[in-house]
Amino acid sequence: MKIGELSRETGVAIHLLRYYEAQGLLTSHRSAGGHRQYGSEAPATVARIRTLLAAGLPTRVIRELMPCFVGDGTELQACVLDHLRTQLAELDSRLADLTHARTALGDLLEASTRALARA
């Protein structure tokens, strides 16, 4: 299938499909005319990429995980579970940092608002 067909079938913009390919997440072959041709597995591959991106994983990690899917589904092999746990811990850490920053910003805004009201 051509890139436009893959885009329509998956709902993913063409420029993102090209990006996935440039990142080594999706493969295509070139036709005699130089057009990208994707195999029948491409829609499932794109769905997997989108699932992992939605989980907050960077493309460098997704590239490592792509060969580890079980069959045609979205389940991963047990050997990568520790890797996923590490990613989850990193995400939890970033969330904690953001929560702390949000609290500090809220406190600053509240203090500034009170100071302005007194002036």
Protein backbone atom coordinates (compact mmCIF):
# COMPACT_ATOMS: atom_id res chain seq x y z
CA MET A 1 0.00 0.00 0.00
CA LYS A 2 1.13 3.56 -0.67
CA ILE A 3 1.73 6.12 2.05
CA GLY A 4 -1.55 7.92 1.34
CA GLU A 5 -3.49 4.70 1.72
CA LEU A 6 -1.71 3.94 4.99
CA SER A 7 -2.47 7.44 6.20
CA ARG A 8 -6.18 7.09 5.40
CA GLU A 9 -6.42 3.64 6.95
CA THR A 10 -4.65 4.58 10.18
CA GLY A 11 -5.70 8.22 10.49
CA VAL A 12 -2.05 9.21 10.89
CA ALA A 13 -0.73 12.14 8.88
CA ILE A 14 1.70 11.39 6.06
CA HIS A 15 4.45 13.51 7.61
CA LEU A 16 4.21 11.43 10.80
CA LEU A 17 4.46 8.20 8.83
CA ARG A 18 7.63 9.56 7.20
CA TYR A 19 8.92 10.52 10.64
CA TYR A 20 8.23 7.02 12.00
CA GLU A 21 10.16 5.61 9.07
CA ALA A 22 13.07 8.02 9.62
CA GLN A 23 13.16 6.93 13.28
CA GLY A 24 13.38 3.26 12.27
CA LEU A 25 9.92 2.40 13.59
CA LEU A 26 8.24 1.68 10.27
CA THR A 27 9.69 0.19 7.10
CA SER A 28 8.79 0.58 3.47
CA HIS A 29 10.16 -0.46 0.14
CA ARG A 30 10.47 1.80 -2.86
CA SER A 31 8.56 1.07 -6.03
CA ALA A 32 10.22 1.38 -9.43
CA GLY A 33 8.85 4.93 -9.51
CA GLY A 34 10.39 5.73 -6.12
CA HIS A 35 7.13 5.69 -4.15
CA ARG A 36 7.01 4.20 -0.66
CA GLN A 37 5.22 0.86 -0.53
CA TYR A 38 4.17 -0.60 2.80
CA GLY A 39 3.39 -4.21 3.58
CA SER A 40 0.09 -5.52 4.87
CA GLU A 41 1.46 -5.40 8.44
CA ALA A 42 1.99 -1.62 8.32
CA PRO A 43 -1.40 -0.60 9.82
CA ALA A 44 -0.79 -2.86 12.83
CA THR A 45 2.73 -1.47 13.17
CA VAL A 46 1.41 2.10 13.12
CA ALA A 47 -1.20 1.18 15.74
CA ARG A 48 1.56 -0.20 17.97
CA ILE A 49 3.65 2.94 17.51
CA ARG A 50 0.65 5.12 18.40
CA THR A 51 -0.08 3.00 21.49
CA LEU A 52 3.49 3.35 22.73
CA LEU A 53 3.60 7.07 21.97
CA ALA A 54 0.34 7.54 23.87
CA ALA A 55 2.00 5.78 26.81
CA GLY A 56 4.62 8.53 26.81
CA LEU A 57 7.49 6.49 25.44
CA PRO A 58 10.10 8.26 23.32
CA THR A 59 10.81 6.95 19.84
CA ARG A 60 14.25 5.66 20.85
CA VAL A 61 12.56 3.33 23.37
CA ILE A 62 9.79 2.42 20.95
CA ARG A 63 12.43 1.35 18.41
CA GLU A 64 13.80 -1.10 20.99
CA LEU A 65 10.35 -2.45 21.83
CA MET A 66 8.96 -2.93 18.31
CA PRO A 67 10.48 -6.41 17.79
CA CYS A 68 9.10 -7.54 21.16
CA PHE A 69 5.38 -7.64 20.42
CA VAL A 70 3.56 -10.95 20.77
CA GLY A 71 1.89 -11.96 17.50
CA ASP A 72 -0.26 -9.33 15.85
CA GLY A 73 -1.53 -7.82 19.10
CA THR A 74 -0.37 -4.99 21.31
CA GLU A 75 0.99 -7.18 24.10
CA LEU A 76 4.73 -7.23 24.70
CA GLN A 77 6.96 -10.14 25.59
CA ALA A 78 7.73 -10.67 29.26
CA CYS A 79 11.43 -9.92 28.66
CA VAL A 80 10.66 -6.18 28.23
CA LEU A 81 8.48 -5.75 31.31
CA ASP A 82 11.40 -4.49 33.40
CA HIS A 83 12.10 -1.93 30.69
CA LEU A 84 8.47 -0.79 30.83
CA ARG A 85 8.62 -0.60 34.61
CA THR A 86 11.70 1.63 34.34
CA GLN A 87 9.87 3.89 31.90
CA LEU A 88 6.89 4.04 34.27
CA ALA A 89 9.16 4.98 37.20
CA GLU A 90 10.74 7.74 35.11
CA LEU A 91 7.29 9.04 34.18
CA ASP A 92 6.25 8.98 37.85
CA SER A 93 9.37 10.98 38.71
CA ARG A 94 8.61 13.58 36.04
CA LEU A 95 5.02 13.81 37.30
CA ALA A 96 6.27 14.40 40.83
CA ASP A 97 8.61 17.13 39.57
CA LEU A 98 5.76 18.77 37.64
CA THR A 99 3.45 18.57 40.65
CA HIS A 100 6.11 20.24 42.80
CA ALA A 101 6.65 22.96 40.19
CA ARG A 102 2.90 23.51 39.90
CA THR A 103 2.55 23.89 43.66
CA ALA A 104 5.46 26.34 43.78
CA LEU A 105 4.00 28.38 40.93
CA GLY A 106 0.57 28.40 42.58
CA ASP A 107 2.13 29.56 45.85
CA LEU A 108 4.01 32.34 44.04
CA LEU A 109 0.87 33.46 42.25
CA GLU A 110 -1.15 33.45 45.48
CA ALA A 111 1.51 35.41 47.38
CA SER A 112 1.80 37.94 44.54
CA THR A 113 -1.98 38.33 44.34
CA ARG A 114 -2.20 38.94 48.09
CA ALA A 115 0.63 41.49 47.93
CA LEU A 116 -1.09 43.36 45.11
CA ALA A 117 -4.40 43.36 46.99
CA ARG A 118 -2.72 44.95 50.03
CA ALA A 119 -1.06 47.66 47.94
